[in-house]
Amino acid sequence: MKYFHGRLEEINGEREYSYDYLIKAKSLEEASQRLIAEASGFYGTDAMPVSGTDDAFEFFNGEIFVRVDSIGQTTKAQFIKHMLQKYEI
């Protein structure tokens, strides 16, 4: 098994958020599928795929937008270091 760092982006009105995930998977393809599944179920089962994409979804008649922002291979240590750098003040 390998580790992957995936990030989702949420646009909710005038606000934007990003969410980081440490994904344990056999391959980048499997990790990507798991992150897309997470995006599609972010607000439950009422996701509407955004036309022309396979990794972006709209919820509540387009009021909220969630998409896969990035994904790449990492290690647990690198992921933890990234999270500490991101959130430490």
PDB file of N, CA and C in Angstrom:
ATOM      1  N   MET A   1       0.836  -1.179   0.000  1.00  0.00           N
ATOM      2  CA  MET A   1       0.000   0.000   0.000  1.00  0.00           C
ATOM      3  C   MET A   1       0.883   1.245   0.000  1.00  0.00           C
ATOM      4  N   LYS A   2       0.361   2.274  -0.635  1.00  0.00           N
ATOM      5  CA  LYS A   2       1.044   3.563  -0.719  1.00  0.00           C
ATOM      6  C   LYS A   2       0.143   4.618  -0.092  1.00  0.00           C
ATOM      7  N   TYR A   3       0.718   5.792   0.134  1.00  0.00           N
ATOM      8  CA  TYR A   3      -0.043   6.919   0.662  1.00  0.00           C
ATOM      9  C   TYR A   3      -0.088   8.033  -0.377  1.00  0.00           C
ATOM     10  N   PHE A   4      -1.250   8.708  -0.428  1.00  0.00           N
ATOM     11  CA  PHE A   4      -1.464   9.804  -1.358  1.00  0.00           C
ATOM     12  C   PHE A   4      -2.069  10.971  -0.600  1.00  0.00           C
ATOM     13  N   HIS A   5      -1.668  12.165  -0.987  1.00  0.00           N
ATOM     14  CA  HIS A   5      -2.221  13.399  -0.414  1.00  0.00           C
ATOM     15  C   HIS A   5      -3.229  13.935  -1.418  1.00  0.00           C
ATOM     16  N   GLY A   6      -4.483  13.953  -1.009  1.00  0.00           N
ATOM     17  CA  GLY A   6      -5.532  14.485  -1.866  1.00  0.00           C
ATOM     18  C   GLY A   6      -6.120  15.731  -1.256  1.00  0.00           C
ATOM     19  N   ARG A   7      -6.536  16.649  -2.101  1.00  0.00           N
ATOM     20  CA  ARG A   7      -7.138  17.896  -1.622  1.00  0.00           C
ATOM     21  C   ARG A   7      -8.433  18.159  -2.392  1.00  0.00           C
ATOM     22  N   LEU A   8      -9.491  18.477  -1.638  1.00  0.00           N
ATOM     23  CA  LEU A   8     -10.753  18.903  -2.232  1.00  0.00           C
ATOM     24  C   LEU A   8     -10.910  20.396  -2.030  1.00  0.00           C
ATOM     25  N   GLU A   9     -11.559  21.039  -2.991  1.00  0.00           N
ATOM     26  CA  GLU A   9     -11.883  22.460  -2.891  1.00  0.00           C
ATOM     27  C   GLU A   9     -13.396  22.585  -2.840  1.00  0.00           C
ATOM     28  N   GLU A  10     -13.876  23.390  -1.922  1.00  0.00           N
ATOM     29  CA  GLU A  10     -15.308  23.669  -1.801  1.00  0.00           C
ATOM     30  C   GLU A  10     -15.518  25.165  -2.006  1.00  0.00           C
ATOM     31  N   ILE A  11     -16.460  25.516  -2.859  1.00  0.00           N
ATOM     32  CA  ILE A  11     -16.856  26.913  -3.036  1.00  0.00           C
ATOM     33  C   ILE A  11     -18.303  27.003  -2.593  1.00  0.00           C
ATOM     34  N   ASN A  12     -18.526  27.797  -1.562  1.00  0.00           N
ATOM     35  CA  ASN A  12     -19.816  27.886  -0.912  1.00  0.00           C
ATOM     36  C   ASN A  12     -20.177  29.366  -0.817  1.00  0.00           C
ATOM     37  N   GLY A  13     -20.920  29.836  -1.789  1.00  0.00           N
ATOM     38  CA  GLY A  13     -21.214  31.263  -1.844  1.00  0.00           C
ATOM     39  C   GLY A  13     -19.944  32.019  -2.184  1.00  0.00           C
ATOM     40  N   GLU A  14     -19.589  32.967  -1.368  1.00  0.00           N
ATOM     41  CA  GLU A  14     -18.374  33.757  -1.596  1.00  0.00           C
ATOM     42  C   GLU A  14     -17.172  33.184  -0.864  1.00  0.00           C
ATOM     43  N   ARG A  15     -17.325  32.051  -0.219  1.00  0.00           N
ATOM     44  CA  ARG A  15     -16.245  31.454   0.564  1.00  0.00           C
ATOM     45  C   ARG A  15     -15.675  30.230  -0.138  1.00  0.00           C
ATOM     46  N   GLU A  16     -14.371  30.043   0.037  1.00  0.00           N
ATOM     47  CA  GLU A  16     -13.687  28.882  -0.518  1.00  0.00           C
ATOM     48  C   GLU A  16     -12.943  28.178   0.600  1.00  0.00           C
ATOM     49  N   TYR A  17     -12.992  26.855   0.568  1.00  0.00           N
ATOM     50  CA  TYR A  17     -12.331  26.038   1.571  1.00  0.00           C
ATOM     51  C   TYR A  17     -11.542  24.940   0.866  1.00  0.00           C
ATOM     52  N   SER A  18     -10.493  24.451   1.531  1.00  0.00           N
ATOM     53  CA  SER A  18      -9.796  23.278   1.017  1.00  0.00           C
ATOM     54  C   SER A  18      -9.683  22.264   2.145  1.00  0.00           C
ATOM     55  N   TYR A  19      -9.738  20.991   1.774  1.00  0.00           N
ATOM     56  CA  TYR A  19      -9.702  19.890   2.726  1.00  0.00           C
ATOM     57  C   TYR A  19      -8.632  18.907   2.279  1.00  0.00           C
ATOM     58  N   ASP A  20      -7.750  18.550   3.182  1.00  0.00           N
ATOM     59  CA  ASP A  20      -6.655  17.638   2.884  1.00  0.00           C
ATOM     60  C   ASP A  20      -6.984  16.242   3.403  1.00  0.00           C
ATOM     61  N   TYR A  21      -6.618  15.231   2.616  1.00  0.00           N
ATOM     62  CA  TYR A  21      -6.861  13.840   2.973  1.00  0.00           C
ATOM     63  C   TYR A  21      -5.594  13.029   2.776  1.00  0.00           C
ATOM     64  N   LEU A  22      -5.319  12.132   3.702  1.00  0.00           N
ATOM     65  CA  LEU A  22      -4.274  11.137   3.541  1.00  0.00           C
ATOM     66  C   LEU A  22      -4.987   9.864   3.116  1.00  0.00           C
ATOM     67  N   ILE A  23      -4.699   9.412   1.916  1.00  0.00           N
ATOM     68  CA  ILE A  23      -5.406   8.285   1.324  1.00  0.00           C
ATOM     69  C   ILE A  23      -4.453   7.100   1.212  1.00  0.00           C
ATOM     70  N   LYS A  24      -4.845   5.969   1.762  1.00  0.00           N
ATOM     71  CA  LYS A  24      -4.064   4.737   1.668  1.00  0.00           C
ATOM     72  C   LYS A  24      -4.664   3.918   0.529  1.00  0.00           C
ATOM     73  N   ALA A  25      -3.879   3.659  -0.503  1.00  0.00           N
ATOM     74  CA  ALA A  25      -4.377   2.948  -1.676  1.00  0.00           C
ATOM     75  C   ALA A  25      -3.233   2.214  -2.367  1.00  0.00           C
ATOM     76  N   LYS A  26      -3.586   1.305  -3.265  1.00  0.00           N
ATOM     77  CA  LYS A  26      -2.584   0.538  -4.003  1.00  0.00           C
ATOM     78  C   LYS A  26      -1.975   1.327  -5.152  1.00  0.00           C
ATOM     79  N   SER A  27      -2.737   2.294  -5.686  1.00  0.00           N
ATOM     80  CA  SER A  27      -2.263   3.044  -6.857  1.00  0.00           C
ATOM     81  C   SER A  27      -2.858   4.442  -6.858  1.00  0.00           C
ATOM     82  N   LEU A  28      -2.290   5.304  -7.698  1.00  0.00           N
ATOM     83  CA  LEU A  28      -2.823   6.653  -7.859  1.00  0.00           C
ATOM     84  C   LEU A  28      -4.248   6.605  -8.382  1.00  0.00           C
ATOM     85  N   GLU A  29      -4.530   5.668  -9.279  1.00  0.00           N
ATOM     86  CA  GLU A  29      -5.878   5.543  -9.836  1.00  0.00           C
ATOM     87  C   GLU A  29      -6.890   5.208  -8.747  1.00  0.00           C
ATOM     88  N   GLU A  30      -6.540   4.261  -7.862  1.00  0.00           N
ATOM     89  CA  GLU A  30      -7.441   3.898  -6.763  1.00  0.00           C
ATOM     90  C   GLU A  30      -7.631   5.078  -5.811  1.00  0.00           C
ATOM     91  N   ALA A  31      -6.546   5.775  -5.499  1.00  0.00           N
ATOM     92  CA  ALA A  31      -6.635   6.948  -4.623  1.00  0.00           C
ATOM     93  C   ALA A  31      -7.511   8.029  -5.251  1.00  0.00           C
ATOM     94  N   SER A  32      -7.352   8.250  -6.549  1.00  0.00           N
ATOM     95  CA  SER A  32      -8.173   9.243  -7.253  1.00  0.00           C
ATOM     96  C   SER A  32      -9.644   8.871  -7.198  1.00  0.00           C
ATOM     97  N   GLN A  33      -9.948   7.603  -7.415  1.00  0.00           N
ATOM     98  CA  GLN A  33     -11.341   7.146  -7.354  1.00  0.00           C
ATOM     99  C   GLN A  33     -11.938   7.368  -5.972  1.00  0.00           C
ATOM    100  N   ARG A  34     -11.144   7.112  -4.938  1.00  0.00           N
ATOM    101  CA  ARG A  34     -11.635   7.302  -3.573  1.00  0.00           C
ATOM    102  C   ARG A  34     -11.867   8.780  -3.279  1.00  0.00           C
ATOM    103  N   LEU A  35     -10.993   9.652  -3.782  1.00  0.00           N
ATOM    104  CA  LEU A  35     -11.156  11.090  -3.562  1.00  0.00           C
ATOM    105  C   LEU A  35     -12.352  11.627  -4.342  1.00  0.00           C
ATOM    106  N   ILE A  36     -12.557  11.146  -5.559  1.00  0.00           N
ATOM    107  CA  ILE A  36     -13.741  11.542  -6.336  1.00  0.00           C
ATOM    108  C   ILE A  36     -15.012  11.090  -5.635  1.00  0.00           C
ATOM    109  N   ALA A  37     -15.003   9.872  -5.072  1.00  0.00           N
ATOM    110  CA  ALA A  37     -16.168   9.385  -4.326  1.00  0.00           C
ATOM    111  C   ALA A  37     -16.439  10.278  -3.115  1.00  0.00           C
ATOM    112  N   GLU A  38     -15.380  10.713  -2.443  1.00  0.00           N
ATOM    113  CA  GLU A  38     -15.531  11.624  -1.304  1.00  0.00           C
ATOM    114  C   GLU A  38     -16.141  12.951  -1.762  1.00  0.00           C
ATOM    115  N   ALA A  39     -15.678  13.482  -2.875  1.00  0.00           N
ATOM    116  CA  ALA A  39     -16.215  14.744  -3.403  1.00  0.00           C
ATOM    117  C   ALA A  39     -17.686  14.592  -3.766  1.00  0.00           C
ATOM    118  N   SER A  40     -18.037  13.484  -4.392  1.00  0.00           N
ATOM    119  CA  SER A  40     -19.417  13.294  -4.845  1.00  0.00           C
ATOM    120  C   SER A  40     -20.387  13.106  -3.690  1.00  0.00           C
ATOM    121  N   GLY A  41     -19.900  12.678  -2.536  1.00  0.00           N
ATOM    122  CA  GLY A  41     -20.762  12.484  -1.386  1.00  0.00           C
ATOM    123  C   GLY A  41     -20.555  13.520  -0.300  1.00  0.00           C
ATOM    124  N   PHE A  42     -19.892  14.614  -0.633  1.00  0.00           N
ATOM    125  CA  PHE A  42     -19.512  15.615   0.353  1.00  0.00           C
ATOM    126  C   PHE A  42     -20.708  16.152   1.125  1.00  0.00           C
ATOM    127  N   TYR A  43     -21.826  16.369   0.444  1.00  0.00           N
ATOM    128  CA  TYR A  43     -23.046  16.864   1.088  1.00  0.00           C
ATOM    129  C   TYR A  43     -24.175  15.863   0.971  1.00  0.00           C
ATOM    130  N   GLY A  44     -23.854  14.605   0.932  1.00  0.00           N
ATOM    131  CA  GLY A  44     -24.881  13.577   0.834  1.00  0.00           C
ATOM    132  C   GLY A  44     -24.976  13.028  -0.573  1.00  0.00           C
ATOM    133  N   THR A  45     -26.129  12.525  -0.909  1.00  0.00           N
ATOM    134  CA  THR A  45     -26.305  11.810  -2.168  1.00  0.00           C
ATOM    135  C   THR A  45     -26.920  12.649  -3.278  1.00  0.00           C
ATOM    136  N   ASP A  46     -27.087  13.930  -3.081  1.00  0.00           N
ATOM    137  CA  ASP A  46     -27.739  14.782  -4.085  1.00  0.00           C
ATOM    138  C   ASP A  46     -26.756  15.495  -4.999  1.00  0.00           C
ATOM    139  N   ALA A  47     -25.614  14.895  -5.259  1.00  0.00           N
ATOM    140  CA  ALA A  47     -24.594  15.534  -6.090  1.00  0.00           C
ATOM    141  C   ALA A  47     -25.017  15.531  -7.549  1.00  0.00           C
ATOM    142  N   MET A  48     -24.743  16.636  -8.212  1.00  0.00           N
ATOM    143  CA  MET A  48     -24.944  16.749  -9.658  1.00  0.00           C
ATOM    144  C   MET A  48     -23.563  16.927 -10.278  1.00  0.00           C
ATOM    145  N   PRO A  49     -23.104  15.973 -11.096  1.00  0.00           N
ATOM    146  CA  PRO A  49     -21.791  16.146 -11.739  1.00  0.00           C
ATOM    147  C   PRO A  49     -21.765  17.408 -12.590  1.00  0.00           C
ATOM    148  N   VAL A  50     -20.655  18.113 -12.558  1.00  0.00           N
ATOM    149  CA  VAL A  50     -20.485  19.295 -13.389  1.00  0.00           C
ATOM    150  C   VAL A  50     -20.193  18.820 -14.804  1.00  0.00           C
ATOM    151  N   SER A  51     -20.919  19.345 -15.759  1.00  0.00           N
ATOM    152  CA  SER A  51     -20.781  18.933 -17.158  1.00  0.00           C
ATOM    153  C   SER A  51     -19.335  19.053 -17.637  1.00  0.00           C
ATOM    154  N   GLY A  52     -18.852  18.004 -18.293  1.00  0.00           N
ATOM    155  CA  GLY A  52     -17.515  18.031 -18.866  1.00  0.00           C
ATOM    156  C   GLY A  52     -16.413  17.629 -17.905  1.00  0.00           C
ATOM    157  N   THR A  53     -16.763  17.252 -16.671  1.00  0.00           N
ATOM    158  CA  THR A  53     -15.754  16.838 -15.696  1.00  0.00           C
ATOM    159  C   THR A  53     -16.157  15.506 -15.081  1.00  0.00           C
ATOM    160  N   ASP A  54     -15.193  14.831 -14.500  1.00  0.00           N
ATOM    161  CA  ASP A  54     -15.521  13.625 -13.738  1.00  0.00           C
ATOM    162  C   ASP A  54     -15.091  13.754 -12.289  1.00  0.00           C
ATOM    163  N   ASP A  55     -14.662  14.955 -11.886  1.00  0.00           N
ATOM    164  CA  ASP A  55     -14.180  15.142 -10.519  1.00  0.00           C
ATOM    165  C   ASP A  55     -14.706  16.409  -9.863  1.00  0.00           C
ATOM    166  N   ALA A  56     -15.833  16.946 -10.352  1.00  0.00           N
ATOM    167  CA  ALA A  56     -16.436  18.148  -9.783  1.00  0.00           C
ATOM    168  C   ALA A  56     -17.950  17.952  -9.680  1.00  0.00           C
ATOM    169  N   PHE A  57     -18.516  18.457  -8.581  1.00  0.00           N
ATOM    170  CA  PHE A  57     -19.924  18.215  -8.298  1.00  0.00           C
ATOM    171  C   PHE A  57     -20.572  19.464  -7.725  1.00  0.00           C
ATOM    172  N   GLU A  58     -21.858  19.622  -8.027  1.00  0.00           N
ATOM    173  CA  GLU A  58     -22.644  20.725  -7.488  1.00  0.00           C
ATOM    174  C   GLU A  58     -23.694  20.161  -6.539  1.00  0.00           C
ATOM    175  N   PHE A  59     -24.004  20.922  -5.511  1.00  0.00           N
ATOM    176  CA  PHE A  59     -25.008  20.539  -4.535  1.00  0.00           C
ATOM    177  C   PHE A  59     -25.980  21.698  -4.339  1.00  0.00           C
ATOM    178  N   PHE A  60     -27.194  21.375  -3.932  1.00  0.00           N
ATOM    179  CA  PHE A  60     -28.217  22.375  -3.635  1.00  0.00           C
ATOM    180  C   PHE A  60     -28.429  23.311  -4.819  1.00  0.00           C
ATOM    181  N   ASN A  61     -28.694  22.715  -5.981  1.00  0.00           N
ATOM    182  CA  ASN A  61     -28.959  23.456  -7.219  1.00  0.00           C
ATOM    183  C   ASN A  61     -27.819  24.388  -7.592  1.00  0.00           C
ATOM    184  N   GLY A  62     -26.602  23.945  -7.372  1.00  0.00           N
ATOM    185  CA  GLY A  62     -25.431  24.712  -7.782  1.00  0.00           C
ATOM    186  C   GLY A  62     -24.946  25.732  -6.776  1.00  0.00           C
ATOM    187  N   GLU A  63     -25.560  25.779  -5.597  1.00  0.00           N
ATOM    188  CA  GLU A  63     -25.131  26.753  -4.592  1.00  0.00           C
ATOM    189  C   GLU A  63     -23.758  26.410  -4.015  1.00  0.00           C
ATOM    190  N   ILE A  64     -23.431  25.120  -4.007  1.00  0.00           N
ATOM    191  CA  ILE A  64     -22.147  24.665  -3.468  1.00  0.00           C
ATOM    192  C   ILE A  64     -21.455  23.821  -4.527  1.00  0.00           C
ATOM    193  N   PHE A  65     -20.167  24.050  -4.701  1.00  0.00           N
ATOM    194  CA  PHE A  65     -19.347  23.381  -5.702  1.00  0.00           C
ATOM    195  C   PHE A  65     -18.194  22.688  -4.981  1.00  0.00           C
ATOM    196  N   VAL A  66     -17.985  21.398  -5.243  1.00  0.00           N
ATOM    197  CA  VAL A  66     -16.881  20.642  -4.650  1.00  0.00           C
ATOM    198  C   VAL A  66     -16.145  19.936  -5.778  1.00  0.00           C
ATOM    199  N   ARG A  67     -14.793  20.072  -5.783  1.00  0.00           N
ATOM    200  CA  ARG A  67     -14.008  19.416  -6.822  1.00  0.00           C
ATOM    201  C   ARG A  67     -12.690  18.908  -6.257  1.00  0.00           C
ATOM    202  N   VAL A  68     -12.125  17.944  -6.961  1.00  0.00           N
ATOM    203  CA  VAL A  68     -10.792  17.464  -6.632  1.00  0.00           C
ATOM    204  C   VAL A  68      -9.814  18.536  -7.073  1.00  0.00           C
ATOM    205  N   ASP A  69      -9.042  19.046  -6.137  1.00  0.00           N
ATOM    206  CA  ASP A  69      -8.075  20.106  -6.429  1.00  0.00           C
ATOM    207  C   ASP A  69      -6.733  19.512  -6.835  1.00  0.00           C
ATOM    208  N   SER A  70      -6.280  18.485  -6.108  1.00  0.00           N
ATOM    209  CA  SER A  70      -5.001  17.861  -6.443  1.00  0.00           C
ATOM    210  C   SER A  70      -4.885  16.521  -5.740  1.00  0.00           C
ATOM    211  N   ILE A  71      -3.985  15.689  -6.267  1.00  0.00           N
ATOM    212  CA  ILE A  71      -3.680  14.417  -5.632  1.00  0.00           C
ATOM    213  C   ILE A  71      -2.290  13.999  -6.071  1.00  0.00           C
ATOM    214  N   GLY A  72      -1.529  13.445  -5.146  1.00  0.00           N
ATOM    215  CA  GLY A  72      -0.187  12.990  -5.462  1.00  0.00           C
ATOM    216  C   GLY A  72       0.333  12.068  -4.380  1.00  0.00           C
ATOM    217  N   GLN A  73       1.329  11.283  -4.726  1.00  0.00           N
ATOM    218  CA  GLN A  73       1.895  10.333  -3.779  1.00  0.00           C
ATOM    219  C   GLN A  73       2.676  11.062  -2.697  1.00  0.00           C
ATOM    220  N   THR A  74       2.635  10.524  -1.483  1.00  0.00           N
ATOM    221  CA  THR A  74       3.326  11.108  -0.341  1.00  0.00           C
ATOM    222  C   THR A  74       3.692  10.000   0.633  1.00  0.00           C
ATOM    223  N   THR A  75       4.166  10.381   1.784  1.00  0.00           N
ATOM    224  CA  THR A  75       4.372   9.470   2.904  1.00  0.00           C
ATOM    225  C   THR A  75       3.607  10.028   4.092  1.00  0.00           C
ATOM    226  N   LYS A  76       3.406   9.193   5.122  1.00  0.00           N
ATOM    227  CA  LYS A  76       2.747   9.698   6.322  1.00  0.00           C
ATOM    228  C   LYS A  76       3.536  10.864   6.914  1.00  0.00           C
ATOM    229  N   ALA A  77       4.845  10.707   6.964  1.00  0.00           N
ATOM    230  CA  ALA A  77       5.693  11.758   7.550  1.00  0.00           C
ATOM    231  C   ALA A  77       5.592  13.057   6.760  1.00  0.00           C
ATOM    232  N   GLN A  78       5.624  12.983   5.429  1.00  0.00           N
ATOM    233  CA  GLN A  78       5.512  14.190   4.605  1.00  0.00           C
ATOM    234  C   GLN A  78       4.146  14.843   4.796  1.00  0.00           C
ATOM    235  N   PHE A  79       3.094  14.032   4.867  1.00  0.00           N
ATOM    236  CA  PHE A  79       1.741  14.553   5.050  1.00  0.00           C
ATOM    237  C   PHE A  79       1.629  15.278   6.396  1.00  0.00           C
ATOM    238  N   ILE A  80       2.125  14.658   7.448  1.00  0.00           N
ATOM    239  CA  ILE A  80       2.081  15.272   8.772  1.00  0.00           C
ATOM    240  C   ILE A  80       2.882  16.568   8.789  1.00  0.00           C
ATOM    241  N   LYS A  81       4.059  16.561   8.185  1.00  0.00           N
ATOM    242  CA  LYS A  81       4.880  17.773   8.112  1.00  0.00           C
ATOM    243  C   LYS A  81       4.123  18.880   7.373  1.00  0.00           C
ATOM    244  N   HIS A  82       3.481  18.536   6.260  1.00  0.00           N
ATOM    245  CA  HIS A  82       2.707  19.515   5.490  1.00  0.00           C
ATOM    246  C   HIS A  82       1.573  20.091   6.336  1.00  0.00           C
ATOM    247  N   MET A  83       0.859  19.235   7.059  1.00  0.00           N
ATOM    248  CA  MET A  83      -0.255  19.706   7.894  1.00  0.00           C
ATOM    249  C   MET A  83       0.251  20.613   9.009  1.00  0.00           C
ATOM    250  N   LEU A  84       1.371  20.257   9.622  1.00  0.00           N
ATOM    251  CA  LEU A  84       1.928  21.109  10.676  1.00  0.00           C
ATOM    252  C   LEU A  84       2.346  22.468  10.119  1.00  0.00           C
ATOM    253  N   GLN A  85       2.971  22.469   8.958  1.00  0.00           N
ATOM    254  CA  GLN A  85       3.378  23.745   8.343  1.00  0.00           C
ATOM    255  C   GLN A  85       2.173  24.581   7.946  1.00  0.00           C
ATOM    256  N   LYS A  86       1.122  23.916   7.500  1.00  0.00           N
ATOM    257  CA  LYS A  86      -0.071  24.615   7.041  1.00  0.00           C
ATOM    258  C   LYS A  86      -0.833  25.270   8.200  1.00  0.00           C
ATOM    259  N   TYR A  87      -0.892  24.595   9.344  1.00  0.00           N
ATOM    260  CA  TYR A  87      -1.756  25.055  10.422  1.00  0.00           C
ATOM    261  C   TYR A  87      -1.021  25.644  11.622  1.00  0.00           C
ATOM    262  N   GLU A  88       0.283  25.539  11.675  1.00  0.00           N
ATOM    263  CA  GLU A  88       1.002  26.071  12.819  1.00  0.00           C
ATOM    264  C   GLU A  88       1.142  27.590  12.703  1.00  0.00           C
ATOM    265  N   ILE A  89       0.843  28.283  13.794  1.00  0.00           N
ATOM    266  CA  ILE A  89       1.023  29.740  13.811  1.00  0.00           C
ATOM    267  C   ILE A  89       1.946  30.120  14.949  1.00  0.00           C
TER     268      ILE A  89
END
